Amino acid sequence: MSYFLLFISAAIVNNFVLTRFLGICPFIGVSKQLSSATGMGLATTFVLVLTSAACYLMDKLVLVPLDITELRLISYIVVIAGVVQFTEVMVRYISPEIFKLLGIYLPLITTNCIVLGLALLNISLEYNFLEVLVFSLGAGAGFSLVLIIFAAMRERLVHANVPGPFKGSAIALITAGLLSMAFMGFTNLIGQ
């Protein structure tokens, strides 16, 4: 049950995009089409789980035993870059259509602060390996959920009767704010 609560905590209660405000760039940039949002959500979830696991193992097997934890940030960035390159190759091979839809945003997962933030948060919260995997999967699921909801809303807003000054980015930001307020309602549901 505690793993389920950890997953729900990362996905909904402490959603990285809407309550921690990490990962905003792809949230705004890739959320114009539902298909690209879904692809980005899946790719980011894959990267989050893989990098969190790799960073955890690097920390526990290399950095801590050698007492070089001050290299944590640099080593995590190198791991993230490698995992993103691997993901980019996999997406290009598995689904060239999604690869084209994501365009520049796929390699930009490397600079997405949610990836590094999650790896550092896992270490600071002192999770074990299984908890790291569950928390990372929950964070990815929450990122994907929010991205898909926001993309679906933006697709509908294109055809809505929106007043002139609010068209485009303005209504997207208002919608993001309302979505954030909705998710903030879950804040005290699970303590963390």
Protein backbone atom coordinates (compact mmCIF):
# COMPACT_ATOMS: atom_id res chain seq x y z
CA MET A 1 0.00 0.00 0.00
CA SER A 2 2.86 2.40 0.74
CA TYR A 3 4.17 2.02 -2.84
CA PHE A 4 0.73 2.84 -4.18
CA LEU A 5 0.59 5.97 -1.99
CA LEU A 6 4.09 6.93 -3.14
CA PHE A 7 2.96 6.60 -6.77
CA ILE A 8 -0.21 8.67 -6.19
CA SER A 9 1.81 11.23 -4.25
CA ALA A 10 4.20 11.76 -7.16
CA ALA A 11 1.54 11.62 -9.88
CA ILE A 12 -1.25 13.74 -8.43
CA VAL A 13 -0.69 15.16 -4.96
CA ASN A 14 2.81 16.53 -5.54
CA ASN A 15 2.64 16.72 -9.33
CA PHE A 16 5.96 18.00 -10.61
CA VAL A 17 4.46 20.31 -13.22
CA LEU A 18 1.50 21.79 -11.37
CA THR A 19 2.65 21.88 -7.75
CA ARG A 20 6.46 21.89 -8.00
CA PHE A 21 6.51 23.85 -11.31
CA LEU A 22 9.21 21.69 -12.92
CA GLY A 23 8.99 20.72 -16.59
CA ILE A 24 7.08 23.81 -17.70
CA CYS A 25 8.89 24.18 -21.06
CA PRO A 26 7.56 20.97 -22.65
CA PHE A 27 4.27 21.48 -20.83
CA ILE A 28 3.70 24.69 -22.79
CA GLY A 29 5.65 23.80 -25.94
CA VAL A 30 4.42 20.31 -26.78
CA SER A 31 0.83 20.60 -25.59
CA LYS A 32 -0.75 21.97 -28.77
CA GLN A 33 -1.56 18.51 -30.15
CA LEU A 34 -2.73 15.49 -28.21
CA SER A 35 -0.55 13.10 -30.23
CA SER A 36 2.68 15.00 -29.54
CA ALA A 37 1.75 15.44 -25.88
CA THR A 38 1.20 11.71 -25.51
CA GLY A 39 4.52 10.92 -27.19
CA MET A 40 6.38 13.43 -25.05
CA GLY A 41 4.72 12.12 -21.91
CA LEU A 42 5.75 8.55 -22.66
CA ALA A 43 9.29 9.52 -23.67
CA THR A 44 9.74 11.68 -20.55
CA THR A 45 8.36 8.94 -18.30
CA PHE A 46 10.82 6.48 -19.80
CA VAL A 47 13.69 8.95 -19.28
CA LEU A 48 12.59 9.74 -15.71
CA VAL A 49 12.52 6.10 -14.63
CA LEU A 50 15.77 5.18 -16.38
CA THR A 51 17.74 8.21 -15.19
CA SER A 52 16.47 7.96 -11.63
CA ALA A 53 17.50 4.31 -11.48
CA ALA A 54 20.89 5.00 -13.07
CA CYS A 55 21.57 8.02 -10.85
CA TYR A 56 20.57 6.09 -7.74
CA LEU A 57 22.91 3.23 -8.64
CA MET A 58 25.71 5.64 -9.50
CA ASP A 59 25.24 7.42 -6.19
CA LYS A 60 25.14 4.26 -4.05
CA LEU A 61 27.78 2.26 -5.93
CA VAL A 62 30.27 4.92 -7.00
CA LEU A 63 29.86 8.39 -5.54
CA VAL A 64 29.18 7.52 -1.89
CA PRO A 65 31.75 4.67 -1.57
CA LEU A 66 34.45 6.84 -3.17
CA ASP A 67 33.34 9.85 -1.09
CA ILE A 68 32.97 12.06 -4.17
CA THR A 69 29.36 13.12 -3.68
CA GLU A 70 30.29 16.67 -4.66
CA LEU A 71 30.39 15.34 -8.25
CA ARG A 72 26.75 14.26 -7.97
CA LEU A 73 25.33 17.08 -10.11
CA ILE A 74 27.85 16.71 -12.94
CA SER A 75 27.58 12.93 -13.01
CA TYR A 76 23.77 13.06 -13.03
CA ILE A 77 23.81 15.45 -15.99
CA VAL A 78 26.06 13.07 -17.93
CA VAL A 79 23.74 10.14 -17.14
CA ILE A 80 20.68 12.16 -18.18
CA ALA A 81 22.29 13.14 -21.48
CA GLY A 82 23.12 9.51 -22.23
CA VAL A 83 19.63 8.25 -21.40
CA VAL A 84 18.00 10.98 -23.50
CA GLN A 85 20.21 10.09 -26.48
CA PHE A 86 19.21 6.45 -26.05
CA THR A 87 15.53 7.45 -25.85
CA GLU A 88 15.81 9.60 -28.96
CA VAL A 89 17.24 6.67 -30.92
CA MET A 90 14.50 4.36 -29.61
CA VAL A 91 11.68 6.79 -30.48
CA ARG A 92 13.13 7.35 -33.96
CA TYR A 93 13.25 3.58 -34.48
CA ILE A 94 9.88 2.68 -32.89
CA SER A 95 7.76 5.58 -34.14
CA PRO A 96 9.17 7.95 -36.76
CA GLU A 97 5.85 9.86 -36.74
CA ILE A 98 6.11 10.71 -33.05
CA PHE A 99 9.79 11.51 -33.57
CA LYS A 100 8.81 14.10 -36.20
CA LEU A 101 5.98 15.48 -34.04
CA LEU A 102 8.26 15.99 -31.04
CA GLY A 103 10.96 17.63 -33.12
CA ILE A 104 13.39 19.65 -31.03
CA TYR A 105 11.56 18.89 -27.79
CA LEU A 106 12.82 15.31 -27.63
CA PRO A 107 16.53 16.16 -27.25
CA LEU A 108 15.50 19.02 -24.96
CA ILE A 109 14.41 16.45 -22.37
CA THR A 110 18.10 16.63 -21.40
CA THR A 111 17.59 20.19 -20.18
CA ASN A 112 14.16 19.53 -18.67
CA CYS A 113 14.54 20.40 -15.02
CA ILE A 114 12.08 17.69 -13.96
CA VAL A 115 14.61 14.98 -14.85
CA LEU A 116 17.47 16.38 -12.78
CA GLY A 117 15.11 17.58 -10.05
CA LEU A 118 13.64 14.10 -9.64
CA ALA A 119 17.05 12.43 -9.47
CA LEU A 120 18.21 14.88 -6.79
CA LEU A 121 14.92 14.63 -4.89
CA ASN A 122 15.14 10.83 -4.79
CA ILE A 123 18.55 11.05 -3.14
CA SER A 124 17.54 13.77 -0.68
CA LEU A 125 14.43 11.82 0.36
CA GLU A 126 16.66 8.76 0.91
CA TYR A 127 14.42 6.35 -0.98
CA ASN A 128 15.52 2.77 -1.57
CA PHE A 129 15.82 1.48 -5.15
CA LEU A 130 12.24 0.22 -5.43
CA GLU A 131 10.88 3.46 -3.98
CA VAL A 132 12.97 5.41 -6.50
CA LEU A 133 11.43 3.41 -9.34
CA VAL A 134 7.86 3.82 -8.05
CA PHE A 135 8.28 7.54 -7.31
CA SER A 136 9.86 8.13 -10.73
CA LEU A 137 7.12 6.19 -12.50
CA GLY A 138 4.54 8.23 -10.58
CA ALA A 139 6.27 11.47 -11.51
CA GLY A 140 6.30 10.42 -15.16
CA ALA A 141 2.66 9.36 -15.03
CA GLY A 142 1.74 12.69 -13.45
CA PHE A 143 3.72 14.60 -16.08
CA SER A 144 2.03 12.60 -18.85
CA LEU A 145 -1.41 13.03 -17.32
CA VAL A 146 -1.08 16.79 -17.04
CA LEU A 147 0.42 17.10 -20.52
CA ILE A 148 -2.40 15.07 -22.08
CA ILE A 149 -5.15 16.92 -20.19
CA PHE A 150 -3.65 20.27 -21.12
CA ALA A 151 -3.22 19.26 -24.78
CA ALA A 152 -6.83 18.10 -24.98
CA MET A 153 -7.99 21.39 -23.47
CA ARG A 154 -5.83 23.43 -25.86
CA GLU A 155 -7.18 21.52 -28.86
CA ARG A 156 -10.71 22.41 -27.77
CA LEU A 157 -9.78 26.04 -27.09
CA VAL A 158 -8.70 26.48 -30.72
CA HIS A 159 -12.34 26.07 -31.75
CA ALA A 160 -13.83 27.94 -28.79
CA ASN A 161 -15.17 31.46 -28.92
CA VAL A 162 -12.36 33.14 -26.99
CA PRO A 163 -12.21 36.96 -26.79
CA GLY A 164 -9.41 38.46 -28.92
CA PRO A 165 -7.03 39.54 -26.12
CA PHE A 166 -7.15 36.07 -24.59
CA LYS A 167 -6.45 34.03 -27.73
CA GLY A 168 -3.29 31.96 -28.04
CA SER A 169 -0.80 31.97 -25.17
CA ALA A 170 -2.97 34.02 -22.83
CA ILE A 171 -5.80 31.50 -22.67
CA ALA A 172 -3.26 28.66 -22.48
CA LEU A 173 -1.66 30.22 -19.40
CA ILE A 174 -5.04 30.89 -17.80
CA THR A 175 -5.99 27.27 -18.43
CA ALA A 176 -2.69 26.07 -16.97
CA GLY A 177 -3.32 28.17 -13.87
CA LEU A 178 -6.80 26.71 -13.42
CA LEU A 179 -5.45 23.20 -13.91
CA SER A 180 -2.76 23.90 -11.33
CA MET A 181 -5.36 25.12 -8.84
CA ALA A 182 -7.37 21.93 -9.40
CA PHE A 183 -4.33 19.76 -8.65
CA MET A 184 -3.41 21.90 -5.63
CA GLY A 185 -6.69 20.69 -4.13
CA PHE A 186 -4.99 17.32 -3.57
CA THR A 187 -2.08 18.84 -1.64
CA ASN A 188 -2.96 17.65 1.87
CA LEU A 189 -4.39 14.32 0.73
CA ILE A 190 -1.11 12.45 1.29
CA GLY A 191 1.67 13.89 3.43
CA GLN A 192 5.14 14.31 1.95
